[in-house]
Amino acid sequence: MFRDLILTLLFGFLGVTKISVASNLQTGIQTKVDLLKSLIYDNTKATVTLDSSAFKKLIQLSSESSSFPRSVSFSVSVKSTILAFGAGQTVKYDAVLTNDGNGYDDRTGVFTCPVAGTYMFVVDSLSWPGIWLKLKVNKLTVGKLHVSSGHKVDLIQISRTVIVKLKPGDRVKVENAANGGKIYHEMYSGFTGALLY
C-alpha cells in the first residue's frame, strides 16, 4: 500500500494518475525513468548554459574595468629637510617610496582618489612638542595628531590610522593645524594610504 502511494505521488507530477503494479509496471517505470533522465539532462544543460553565460558576463565586466588601477597605494616621507609650518599648511612629503595608481602628488602633498572603495591611511611623525596635525578628506577632518607643549622631551613619535570610504576625486592630505609646528626629516615622518577593497 505504501509502495503504491509513493509510486502514485512520484509519477503523478508527470501526468500519470494511476498505475498498475502488475505487468505494466516494468514498461511504465522504464518510460518514467527515461522521462526523468531527460528532465535531469535538460536541467543540467540549462545550468551549464547559465553558468557559462554568467562566467562570460563576469569576464566582460572584468575587462571593461581594466582601465582602472587594480591596486592603489602610496607611501611617502619627509626626507630632505625639517619642515616648519604655518596654520592650515599642507605637509608636502618629498620622498616617494611607492605610488601605485598615481594618486599621490608630491608637489601638492595631496592624494586624489582614483577608484572608489575603502581605504586605510596612516600618518606618523617625529615631531617637537607643540605640533598639531590633521588628516583631512576634502574639508572634513578624519584624524588628529598632537604633541603637547607640556612634554619635556626634544622629539616624540606620534601616529594615527584611519579607515574611510572614498569616491573618485576625493582629496586626502595632512595639514598643520597651528602656527609653529615642525616635523623631523630623514624619513622619520610619513604618510601612507592603500585601497583595501
N, C-alpha and C. Protein backbone atom coordinates (compact mmCIF):
# COMPACT_ATOMS: atom_id res chain seq x y z
N MET A 1 0.82 -1.19 0.00
CA MET A 1 0.00 0.00 0.00
C MET A 1 0.88 1.27 0.00
N PHE A 2 1.87 1.28 0.88
CA PHE A 2 2.78 2.42 0.96
C PHE A 2 3.54 2.59 -0.36
N ARG A 3 3.94 1.43 -0.94
CA ARG A 3 4.66 1.45 -2.21
C ARG A 3 3.79 2.05 -3.31
N ASP A 4 2.52 1.66 -3.37
CA ASP A 4 1.61 2.20 -4.37
C ASP A 4 1.43 3.71 -4.20
N LEU A 5 1.37 4.17 -2.95
CA LEU A 5 1.22 5.60 -2.67
C LEU A 5 2.43 6.39 -3.15
N ILE A 6 3.62 5.87 -2.85
CA ILE A 6 4.86 6.54 -3.28
C ILE A 6 4.93 6.61 -4.80
N LEU A 7 4.64 5.48 -5.46
CA LEU A 7 4.69 5.46 -6.92
C LEU A 7 3.66 6.41 -7.52
N THR A 8 2.48 6.48 -6.93
CA THR A 8 1.45 7.39 -7.42
C THR A 8 1.91 8.83 -7.29
N LEU A 9 2.50 9.18 -6.15
CA LEU A 9 3.00 10.55 -5.94
C LEU A 9 4.16 10.86 -6.87
N LEU A 10 5.09 9.90 -7.00
CA LEU A 10 6.28 10.11 -7.82
C LEU A 10 5.93 10.34 -9.28
N PHE A 11 5.02 9.53 -9.79
CA PHE A 11 4.69 9.65 -11.20
C PHE A 11 3.52 10.57 -11.46
N GLY A 12 2.85 11.01 -10.44
CA GLY A 12 1.71 11.90 -10.60
C GLY A 12 2.09 13.21 -11.24
N PHE A 13 3.26 13.74 -10.92
CA PHE A 13 3.66 15.02 -11.50
C PHE A 13 3.96 14.91 -12.98
N LEU A 14 4.17 13.70 -13.50
CA LEU A 14 4.43 13.52 -14.92
C LEU A 14 3.15 13.21 -15.70
N GLY A 15 2.01 13.30 -15.07
CA GLY A 15 0.75 13.12 -15.76
C GLY A 15 0.16 11.72 -15.61
N VAL A 16 0.72 10.88 -14.78
CA VAL A 16 0.20 9.54 -14.56
C VAL A 16 -0.60 9.58 -13.28
N THR A 17 -1.88 9.28 -13.36
CA THR A 17 -2.72 9.34 -12.16
C THR A 17 -2.79 8.01 -11.44
N LYS A 18 -2.67 6.91 -12.16
CA LYS A 18 -2.77 5.60 -11.51
C LYS A 18 -1.97 4.61 -12.33
N ILE A 19 -1.25 3.76 -11.68
CA ILE A 19 -0.50 2.73 -12.39
C ILE A 19 -0.81 1.38 -11.80
N SER A 20 -0.72 0.43 -12.62
CA SER A 20 -0.94 -0.95 -12.18
C SER A 20 0.40 -1.52 -11.78
N VAL A 21 0.45 -2.13 -10.61
CA VAL A 21 1.70 -2.68 -10.10
C VAL A 21 1.98 -4.05 -10.76
N ALA A 22 1.14 -4.46 -11.66
CA ALA A 22 1.30 -5.77 -12.29
C ALA A 22 2.24 -5.67 -13.47
N SER A 23 1.80 -6.20 -14.63
CA SER A 23 2.66 -6.34 -15.79
C SER A 23 3.04 -5.01 -16.43
N ASN A 24 2.20 -4.01 -16.30
CA ASN A 24 2.51 -2.70 -16.89
C ASN A 24 3.55 -1.93 -16.09
N LEU A 25 3.89 -2.44 -14.92
CA LEU A 25 4.84 -1.74 -14.04
C LEU A 25 6.19 -1.56 -14.71
N GLN A 26 6.73 -2.62 -15.30
CA GLN A 26 8.04 -2.54 -15.93
C GLN A 26 8.05 -1.50 -17.05
N THR A 27 7.08 -1.55 -17.91
CA THR A 27 7.01 -0.63 -19.04
C THR A 27 6.81 0.80 -18.56
N GLY A 28 5.90 0.98 -17.62
CA GLY A 28 5.63 2.31 -17.09
C GLY A 28 6.83 2.91 -16.38
N ILE A 29 7.50 2.09 -15.59
CA ILE A 29 8.67 2.58 -14.86
C ILE A 29 9.77 2.96 -15.83
N GLN A 30 10.02 2.13 -16.82
CA GLN A 30 11.08 2.43 -17.78
C GLN A 30 10.79 3.73 -18.52
N THR A 31 9.55 3.94 -18.89
CA THR A 31 9.17 5.18 -19.57
C THR A 31 9.39 6.38 -18.66
N LYS A 32 8.99 6.24 -17.41
CA LYS A 32 9.14 7.34 -16.47
C LYS A 32 10.61 7.61 -16.16
N VAL A 33 11.41 6.54 -16.08
CA VAL A 33 12.85 6.71 -15.85
C VAL A 33 13.47 7.46 -17.02
N ASP A 34 13.07 7.10 -18.23
CA ASP A 34 13.57 7.81 -19.41
C ASP A 34 13.18 9.28 -19.39
N LEU A 35 11.93 9.56 -19.00
CA LEU A 35 11.49 10.95 -18.89
C LEU A 35 12.26 11.71 -17.81
N LEU A 36 12.50 11.05 -16.68
CA LEU A 36 13.27 11.69 -15.60
C LEU A 36 14.70 11.95 -16.04
N LYS A 37 15.31 10.99 -16.75
CA LYS A 37 16.68 11.19 -17.26
C LYS A 37 16.71 12.39 -18.19
N SER A 38 15.71 12.47 -19.06
CA SER A 38 15.64 13.59 -19.99
C SER A 38 15.49 14.92 -19.25
N LEU A 39 14.62 14.91 -18.24
CA LEU A 39 14.41 16.12 -17.44
C LEU A 39 15.69 16.53 -16.72
N ILE A 40 16.37 15.57 -16.12
CA ILE A 40 17.63 15.86 -15.42
C ILE A 40 18.67 16.37 -16.40
N TYR A 41 18.78 15.75 -17.56
CA TYR A 41 19.74 16.18 -18.57
C TYR A 41 19.45 17.62 -19.00
N ASP A 42 18.15 17.92 -19.27
CA ASP A 42 17.77 19.27 -19.68
C ASP A 42 18.09 20.29 -18.59
N ASN A 43 17.84 19.96 -17.33
CA ASN A 43 18.17 20.87 -16.22
C ASN A 43 19.67 21.07 -16.10
N THR A 44 20.44 20.00 -16.25
CA THR A 44 21.90 20.11 -16.19
C THR A 44 22.41 20.98 -17.32
N LYS A 45 21.86 20.75 -18.52
CA LYS A 45 22.26 21.55 -19.67
C LYS A 45 21.94 23.03 -19.45
N ALA A 46 20.77 23.32 -18.91
CA ALA A 46 20.38 24.70 -18.63
C ALA A 46 21.30 25.32 -17.59
N THR A 47 21.65 24.55 -16.55
CA THR A 47 22.54 25.05 -15.51
C THR A 47 23.91 25.36 -16.08
N VAL A 48 24.45 24.46 -16.90
CA VAL A 48 25.76 24.68 -17.51
C VAL A 48 25.71 25.90 -18.42
N THR A 49 24.64 26.04 -19.18
CA THR A 49 24.49 27.19 -20.06
C THR A 49 24.41 28.48 -19.24
N LEU A 50 23.63 28.46 -18.16
CA LEU A 50 23.52 29.63 -17.29
C LEU A 50 24.87 29.98 -16.69
N ASP A 51 25.57 28.99 -16.17
CA ASP A 51 26.88 29.24 -15.57
C ASP A 51 27.86 29.78 -16.60
N SER A 52 27.83 29.25 -17.82
CA SER A 52 28.72 29.72 -18.87
C SER A 52 28.42 31.16 -19.24
N SER A 53 27.15 31.51 -19.36
CA SER A 53 26.81 32.89 -19.71
C SER A 53 27.15 33.84 -18.57
N ALA A 54 26.94 33.40 -17.33
CA ALA A 54 27.32 34.24 -16.18
C ALA A 54 28.83 34.43 -16.14
N PHE A 55 29.56 33.37 -16.45
CA PHE A 55 31.02 33.45 -16.46
C PHE A 55 31.49 34.41 -17.56
N LYS A 56 30.86 34.34 -18.73
CA LYS A 56 31.21 35.25 -19.82
C LYS A 56 30.94 36.70 -19.43
N LYS A 57 29.82 36.94 -18.74
CA LYS A 57 29.48 38.29 -18.29
C LYS A 57 30.51 38.80 -17.28
N LEU A 58 30.94 37.91 -16.38
CA LEU A 58 31.97 38.27 -15.40
C LEU A 58 33.27 38.66 -16.09
N ILE A 59 33.66 37.90 -17.09
CA ILE A 59 34.88 38.22 -17.84
C ILE A 59 34.72 39.56 -18.55
N GLN A 60 33.54 39.80 -19.13
CA GLN A 60 33.29 41.07 -19.81
C GLN A 60 33.39 42.25 -18.84
N LEU A 61 32.77 42.13 -17.68
CA LEU A 61 32.83 43.20 -16.68
C LEU A 61 34.26 43.41 -16.22
N SER A 62 34.99 42.34 -16.05
CA SER A 62 36.38 42.44 -15.62
C SER A 62 37.22 43.18 -16.64
N SER A 63 37.03 42.87 -17.92
CA SER A 63 37.83 43.52 -18.95
C SER A 63 37.42 44.98 -19.13
N GLU A 64 36.14 45.30 -18.91
CA GLU A 64 35.69 46.69 -19.00
C GLU A 64 36.30 47.55 -17.92
N SER A 65 36.55 46.97 -16.75
CA SER A 65 37.09 47.76 -15.64
C SER A 65 38.61 47.73 -15.62
N SER A 66 39.24 47.14 -16.65
CA SER A 66 40.70 47.05 -16.63
C SER A 66 41.36 48.41 -16.83
N SER A 67 40.60 49.43 -17.25
CA SER A 67 41.18 50.75 -17.40
C SER A 67 41.42 51.42 -16.05
N PHE A 68 40.81 50.90 -14.98
CA PHE A 68 41.02 51.43 -13.64
C PHE A 68 42.21 50.72 -13.01
N PRO A 69 42.96 51.42 -12.17
CA PRO A 69 44.06 50.75 -11.48
C PRO A 69 43.54 49.61 -10.62
N ARG A 70 44.19 48.48 -10.69
CA ARG A 70 43.78 47.33 -9.89
C ARG A 70 44.25 47.48 -8.44
N SER A 71 45.33 48.20 -8.24
CA SER A 71 45.79 48.44 -6.88
C SER A 71 46.11 49.92 -6.73
N VAL A 72 45.77 50.44 -5.58
CA VAL A 72 46.04 51.84 -5.29
C VAL A 72 46.71 51.88 -3.93
N SER A 73 47.92 52.42 -3.89
CA SER A 73 48.63 52.58 -2.62
C SER A 73 49.75 53.60 -2.80
N PHE A 74 50.12 54.20 -1.70
CA PHE A 74 51.27 55.11 -1.74
C PHE A 74 51.91 55.12 -0.35
N SER A 75 53.19 55.41 -0.35
CA SER A 75 53.93 55.57 0.90
C SER A 75 54.99 56.64 0.66
N VAL A 76 54.90 57.72 1.44
CA VAL A 76 55.80 58.86 1.25
C VAL A 76 56.35 59.30 2.61
N SER A 77 57.47 60.03 2.56
CA SER A 77 58.06 60.51 3.81
C SER A 77 58.75 61.84 3.60
N VAL A 78 59.13 62.46 4.71
CA VAL A 78 59.90 63.70 4.69
C VAL A 78 61.37 63.28 4.73
N LYS A 79 62.11 63.63 3.68
CA LYS A 79 63.49 63.16 3.58
C LYS A 79 64.53 64.26 3.72
N SER A 80 64.36 65.36 3.00
CA SER A 80 65.47 66.28 2.81
C SER A 80 65.68 67.33 3.89
N THR A 81 64.63 67.82 4.49
CA THR A 81 64.82 68.92 5.45
C THR A 81 63.71 68.91 6.51
N ILE A 82 64.01 69.48 7.66
CA ILE A 82 62.99 69.65 8.70
C ILE A 82 61.92 70.60 8.15
N LEU A 83 60.67 70.24 8.35
CA LEU A 83 59.58 71.08 7.85
C LEU A 83 59.00 71.91 8.99
N ALA A 84 58.87 73.22 8.77
CA ALA A 84 58.22 74.13 9.72
C ALA A 84 56.98 74.69 9.02
N PHE A 85 55.88 74.82 9.78
CA PHE A 85 54.61 75.15 9.16
C PHE A 85 53.93 76.34 9.80
N GLY A 86 53.07 76.95 8.98
CA GLY A 86 52.08 77.88 9.48
C GLY A 86 50.75 77.15 9.58
N ALA A 87 49.77 77.78 10.21
CA ALA A 87 48.46 77.15 10.37
C ALA A 87 47.80 76.92 9.02
N GLY A 88 47.21 75.74 8.84
CA GLY A 88 46.50 75.40 7.61
C GLY A 88 47.37 74.97 6.46
N GLN A 89 48.68 74.87 6.68
CA GLN A 89 49.59 74.48 5.61
C GLN A 89 49.59 72.96 5.42
N THR A 90 49.58 72.52 4.16
CA THR A 90 49.61 71.09 3.83
C THR A 90 51.04 70.57 3.93
N VAL A 91 51.20 69.39 4.52
CA VAL A 91 52.52 68.76 4.60
C VAL A 91 52.83 68.16 3.23
N LYS A 92 53.97 68.55 2.65
CA LYS A 92 54.41 68.02 1.36
C LYS A 92 55.56 67.05 1.60
N TYR A 93 55.24 65.76 1.48
CA TYR A 93 56.24 64.71 1.68
C TYR A 93 57.05 64.57 0.39
N ASP A 94 58.38 64.67 0.49
CA ASP A 94 59.21 64.75 -0.71
C ASP A 94 59.84 63.43 -1.15
N ALA A 95 59.79 62.39 -0.34
CA ALA A 95 60.36 61.09 -0.72
C ALA A 95 59.23 60.11 -0.99
N VAL A 96 59.08 59.70 -2.24
CA VAL A 96 58.01 58.78 -2.63
C VAL A 96 58.59 57.37 -2.71
N LEU A 97 58.13 56.51 -1.81
CA LEU A 97 58.57 55.11 -1.81
C LEU A 97 57.74 54.31 -2.81
N THR A 98 56.42 54.44 -2.76
CA THR A 98 55.52 53.80 -3.73
C THR A 98 54.39 54.77 -4.06
N ASN A 99 53.84 54.61 -5.26
CA ASN A 99 52.70 55.42 -5.68
C ASN A 99 51.90 54.65 -6.74
N ASP A 100 51.42 53.47 -6.37
CA ASP A 100 50.63 52.64 -7.28
C ASP A 100 49.29 53.31 -7.55
N GLY A 101 48.96 53.50 -8.80
CA GLY A 101 47.73 54.19 -9.18
C GLY A 101 47.93 55.68 -9.35
N ASN A 102 49.12 56.19 -9.02
CA ASN A 102 49.49 57.60 -9.20
C ASN A 102 48.53 58.58 -8.54
N GLY A 103 48.02 58.23 -7.38
CA GLY A 103 47.09 59.10 -6.68
C GLY A 103 47.76 60.20 -5.87
N TYR A 104 49.00 59.95 -5.41
CA TYR A 104 49.68 60.95 -4.57
C TYR A 104 50.48 61.92 -5.44
N ASP A 105 50.35 63.22 -5.16
CA ASP A 105 51.09 64.25 -5.88
C ASP A 105 52.08 64.89 -4.91
N ASP A 106 53.39 64.63 -5.11
CA ASP A 106 54.39 65.16 -4.18
C ASP A 106 54.58 66.67 -4.31
N ARG A 107 54.05 67.29 -5.35
CA ARG A 107 54.14 68.75 -5.47
C ARG A 107 53.14 69.45 -4.56
N THR A 108 51.99 68.79 -4.32
CA THR A 108 50.94 69.41 -3.50
C THR A 108 50.78 68.75 -2.13
N GLY A 109 51.27 67.50 -1.99
CA GLY A 109 51.09 66.75 -0.75
C GLY A 109 49.70 66.14 -0.63
N VAL A 110 48.96 66.08 -1.75
CA VAL A 110 47.57 65.61 -1.73
C VAL A 110 47.45 64.28 -2.48
N PHE A 111 46.70 63.35 -1.87
CA PHE A 111 46.31 62.11 -2.54
C PHE A 111 44.92 62.32 -3.11
N THR A 112 44.76 62.10 -4.42
CA THR A 112 43.45 62.20 -5.07
C THR A 112 42.99 60.79 -5.41
N CYS A 113 41.84 60.42 -4.89
CA CYS A 113 41.32 59.06 -5.04
C CYS A 113 40.99 58.75 -6.50
N PRO A 114 41.63 57.70 -7.09
CA PRO A 114 41.31 57.34 -8.46
C PRO A 114 40.19 56.30 -8.58
N VAL A 115 39.95 55.52 -7.52
CA VAL A 115 39.00 54.41 -7.56
C VAL A 115 38.18 54.42 -6.27
N ALA A 116 36.87 54.31 -6.39
CA ALA A 116 36.00 54.26 -5.21
C ALA A 116 36.31 53.01 -4.39
N GLY A 117 36.23 53.14 -3.07
CA GLY A 117 36.46 51.99 -2.21
C GLY A 117 36.74 52.41 -0.78
N THR A 118 37.14 51.42 0.01
CA THR A 118 37.51 51.65 1.41
C THR A 118 39.03 51.69 1.49
N TYR A 119 39.54 52.76 2.06
CA TYR A 119 40.98 53.00 2.13
C TYR A 119 41.45 53.06 3.58
N MET A 120 42.72 52.70 3.78
CA MET A 120 43.35 52.88 5.08
C MET A 120 44.48 53.90 4.90
N PHE A 121 44.55 54.86 5.83
CA PHE A 121 45.60 55.87 5.83
C PHE A 121 46.32 55.85 7.17
N VAL A 122 47.64 56.04 7.12
CA VAL A 122 48.46 56.11 8.32
C VAL A 122 49.31 57.37 8.22
N VAL A 123 49.28 58.17 9.27
CA VAL A 123 50.15 59.34 9.37
C VAL A 123 51.03 59.13 10.59
N ASP A 124 52.34 59.27 10.40
CA ASP A 124 53.23 59.21 11.56
C ASP A 124 54.23 60.35 11.45
N SER A 125 54.67 60.82 12.60
CA SER A 125 55.53 61.99 12.60
C SER A 125 56.45 62.00 13.81
N LEU A 126 57.71 62.27 13.56
CA LEU A 126 58.66 62.54 14.64
C LEU A 126 58.67 64.06 14.77
N SER A 127 58.14 64.56 15.87
CA SER A 127 57.89 65.99 15.99
C SER A 127 58.33 66.55 17.33
N TRP A 128 58.48 67.86 17.36
CA TRP A 128 58.75 68.58 18.59
C TRP A 128 57.43 68.88 19.29
N PRO A 129 57.45 69.08 20.59
CA PRO A 129 56.22 69.46 21.29
C PRO A 129 55.59 70.70 20.67
N GLY A 130 54.26 70.72 20.67
CA GLY A 130 53.51 71.84 20.11
C GLY A 130 52.94 71.58 18.72
N ILE A 131 53.19 70.41 18.16
CA ILE A 131 52.67 70.11 16.82
C ILE A 131 51.19 69.69 16.89
N TRP A 132 50.41 70.14 15.94
CA TRP A 132 49.01 69.75 15.77
C TRP A 132 48.82 69.40 14.30
N LEU A 133 48.55 68.14 13.99
CA LEU A 133 48.32 67.73 12.60
C LEU A 133 46.91 67.19 12.44
N LYS A 134 46.35 67.38 11.25
CA LYS A 134 45.02 66.85 10.92
C LYS A 134 45.13 66.03 9.64
N LEU A 135 44.43 64.90 9.63
CA LEU A 135 44.25 64.14 8.39
C LEU A 135 42.89 64.54 7.85
N LYS A 136 42.87 65.05 6.61
CA LYS A 136 41.62 65.59 6.06
C LYS A 136 41.22 64.86 4.78
N VAL A 137 39.92 64.59 4.65
CA VAL A 137 39.33 64.12 3.41
C VAL A 137 38.46 65.27 2.92
N ASN A 138 38.87 65.84 1.79
CA ASN A 138 38.26 67.07 1.30
C ASN A 138 38.36 68.12 2.41
N LYS A 139 37.28 68.62 2.95
CA LYS A 139 37.37 69.61 4.03
C LYS A 139 37.08 69.02 5.40
N LEU A 140 36.80 67.72 5.45
CA LEU A 140 36.44 67.05 6.70
C LEU A 140 37.67 66.47 7.39
N THR A 141 37.86 66.79 8.67
CA THR A 141 38.94 66.21 9.46
C THR A 141 38.52 64.81 9.90
N VAL A 142 39.35 63.80 9.57
CA VAL A 142 39.03 62.41 9.92
C VAL A 142 40.02 61.83 10.94
N GLY A 143 41.07 62.57 11.27
CA GLY A 143 42.03 62.12 12.27
C GLY A 143 42.92 63.27 12.71
N LYS A 144 43.40 63.19 13.96
CA LYS A 144 44.26 64.25 14.50
C LYS A 144 45.47 63.64 15.19
N LEU A 145 46.59 64.39 15.18
CA LEU A 145 47.80 64.02 15.90
C LEU A 145 48.28 65.27 16.65
N HIS A 146 48.82 65.06 17.85
CA HIS A 146 49.25 66.20 18.65
C HIS A 146 50.34 65.79 19.63
N VAL A 147 51.31 66.67 19.78
CA VAL A 147 52.30 66.54 20.85
C VAL A 147 52.16 67.79 21.71
N SER A 148 51.76 67.60 22.94
CA SER A 148 51.55 68.73 23.85
C SER A 148 52.86 69.44 24.14
N SER A 149 52.78 70.77 24.26
CA SER A 149 53.98 71.52 24.61
C SER A 149 54.43 71.25 26.04
N GLY A 150 53.61 70.54 26.81
CA GLY A 150 53.99 70.17 28.17
C GLY A 150 54.97 69.01 28.24
N HIS A 151 55.19 68.31 27.13
CA HIS A 151 56.16 67.20 27.13
C HIS A 151 57.57 67.75 27.32
N LYS A 152 58.32 67.10 28.18
CA LYS A 152 59.68 67.56 28.48
C LYS A 152 60.72 66.75 27.69
N VAL A 153 60.43 66.51 26.42
CA VAL A 153 61.36 65.79 25.55
C VAL A 153 61.61 66.65 24.32
N ASP A 154 62.72 66.37 23.65
CA ASP A 154 63.00 67.13 22.43
C ASP A 154 62.09 66.69 21.28
N LEU A 155 62.01 65.37 21.04
CA LEU A 155 61.21 64.84 19.94
C LEU A 155 60.36 63.68 20.43
N ILE A 156 59.21 63.50 19.81
CA ILE A 156 58.35 62.36 20.15
C ILE A 156 57.68 61.85 18.87
N GLN A 157 57.58 60.52 18.76
CA GLN A 157 56.95 59.89 17.59
C GLN A 157 55.44 59.76 17.85
N ILE A 158 54.63 60.25 16.91
CA ILE A 158 53.17 60.15 17.03
C ILE A 158 52.63 59.48 15.76
N SER A 159 51.46 58.85 15.89
CA SER A 159 50.89 58.14 14.75
C SER A 159 49.37 58.08 14.85
N ARG A 160 48.73 57.99 13.69
CA ARG A 160 47.26 57.87 13.64
C ARG A 160 46.89 57.07 12.40
N THR A 161 45.97 56.11 12.56
CA THR A 161 45.48 55.28 11.45
C THR A 161 43.97 55.46 11.34
N VAL A 162 43.47 55.62 10.11
CA VAL A 162 42.03 55.71 9.88
C VAL A 162 41.66 54.86 8.66
N ILE A 163 40.42 54.38 8.66
CA ILE A 163 39.86 53.67 7.51
C ILE A 163 38.61 54.43 7.09
N VAL A 164 38.58 54.84 5.82
CA VAL A 164 37.47 55.66 5.31
C VAL A 164 37.04 55.19 3.92
N LYS A 165 35.78 55.47 3.59
CA LYS A 165 35.26 55.21 2.25
C LYS A 165 35.48 56.46 1.41
N LEU A 166 36.01 56.26 0.20
CA LEU A 166 36.27 57.39 -0.70
C LEU A 166 35.58 57.18 -2.04
N LYS A 167 35.32 58.31 -2.71
CA LYS A 167 34.80 58.32 -4.07
C LYS A 167 35.90 58.86 -4.98
N PRO A 168 35.86 58.54 -6.27
CA PRO A 168 36.85 59.12 -7.18
C PRO A 168 36.84 60.65 -7.09
N GLY A 169 38.03 61.22 -7.01
CA GLY A 169 38.16 62.68 -6.91
C GLY A 169 38.28 63.20 -5.49
N ASP A 170 37.95 62.38 -4.48
CA ASP A 170 38.14 62.81 -3.09
C ASP A 170 39.62 63.09 -2.86
N ARG A 171 39.90 64.14 -2.05
CA ARG A 171 41.29 64.55 -1.80
C ARG A 171 41.63 64.35 -0.33
N VAL A 172 42.76 63.68 -0.10
CA VAL A 172 43.20 63.37 1.26
C VAL A 172 44.58 64.00 1.47
N LYS A 173 44.74 64.68 2.62
CA LYS A 173 46.03 65.33 2.90
C LYS A 173 46.25 65.43 4.40
N VAL A 174 47.49 65.72 4.75
CA VAL A 174 47.87 66.01 6.14
C VAL A 174 48.11 67.51 6.21
N GLU A 175 47.48 68.14 7.21
CA GLU A 175 47.55 69.59 7.33
C GLU A 175 47.98 69.98 8.74
N ASN A 176 48.82 71.01 8.83
CA ASN A 176 49.20 71.54 10.14
C ASN A 176 48.06 72.43 10.64
N ALA A 177 47.70 72.26 11.91
CA ALA A 177 46.54 72.98 12.44
C ALA A 177 46.90 74.24 13.21
N ALA A 178 48.16 74.38 13.62
CA ALA A 178 48.53 75.54 14.45
C ALA A 178 49.82 76.15 13.92
N ASN A 179 50.10 77.38 14.31
CA ASN A 179 51.36 78.02 13.92
C ASN A 179 52.54 77.38 14.62
N GLY A 180 53.64 77.30 13.91
CA GLY A 180 54.90 76.92 14.55
C GLY A 180 55.20 75.44 14.65
N GLY A 181 54.40 74.57 14.08
CA GLY A 181 54.70 73.15 14.16
C GLY A 181 55.89 72.76 13.30
N LYS A 182 56.66 71.75 13.76
CA LYS A 182 57.81 71.27 12.99
C LYS A 182 57.80 69.74 12.95
N ILE A 183 58.19 69.21 11.79
CA ILE A 183 58.28 67.76 11.59
C ILE A 183 59.72 67.41 11.23
N TYR A 184 60.24 66.37 11.87
CA TYR A 184 61.61 65.93 11.61
C TYR A 184 61.68 65.20 10.27
N HIS A 185 62.84 65.29 9.64
CA HIS A 185 63.04 64.69 8.32
C HIS A 185 63.76 63.34 8.42
N GLU A 186 64.59 63.00 7.43
CA GLU A 186 65.36 61.75 7.35
C GLU A 186 64.46 60.51 7.42
N MET A 187 63.26 60.60 6.83
CA MET A 187 62.30 59.50 6.70
C MET A 187 61.72 59.01 8.03
N TYR A 188 61.76 59.85 9.07
CA TYR A 188 61.12 59.50 10.35
C TYR A 188 59.63 59.83 10.35
N SER A 189 59.21 60.67 9.40
CA SER A 189 57.82 61.11 9.34
C SER A 189 57.24 60.74 7.98
N GLY A 190 56.01 60.18 7.98
CA GLY A 190 55.46 59.72 6.71
C GLY A 190 53.95 59.73 6.63
N PHE A 191 53.49 59.41 5.45
CA PHE A 191 52.06 59.37 5.12
C PHE A 191 51.87 58.19 4.17
N THR A 192 50.95 57.29 4.51
CA THR A 192 50.73 56.07 3.73
C THR A 192 49.24 55.87 3.53
N GLY A 193 48.87 55.37 2.36
CA GLY A 193 47.47 55.05 2.09
C GLY A 193 47.37 53.86 1.16
N ALA A 194 46.29 53.09 1.31
CA ALA A 194 46.09 51.92 0.44
C ALA A 194 44.60 51.61 0.31
N LEU A 195 44.21 51.21 -0.89
CA LEU A 195 42.86 50.72 -1.15
C LEU A 195 42.75 49.33 -0.55
N LEU A 196 41.80 49.13 0.36
CA LEU A 196 41.60 47.82 0.97
C LEU A 196 40.67 46.96 0.13
N TYR A 197 39.52 47.52 -0.24
CA TYR A 197 38.53 46.80 -1.06
C TYR A 197 37.52 47.78 -1.61
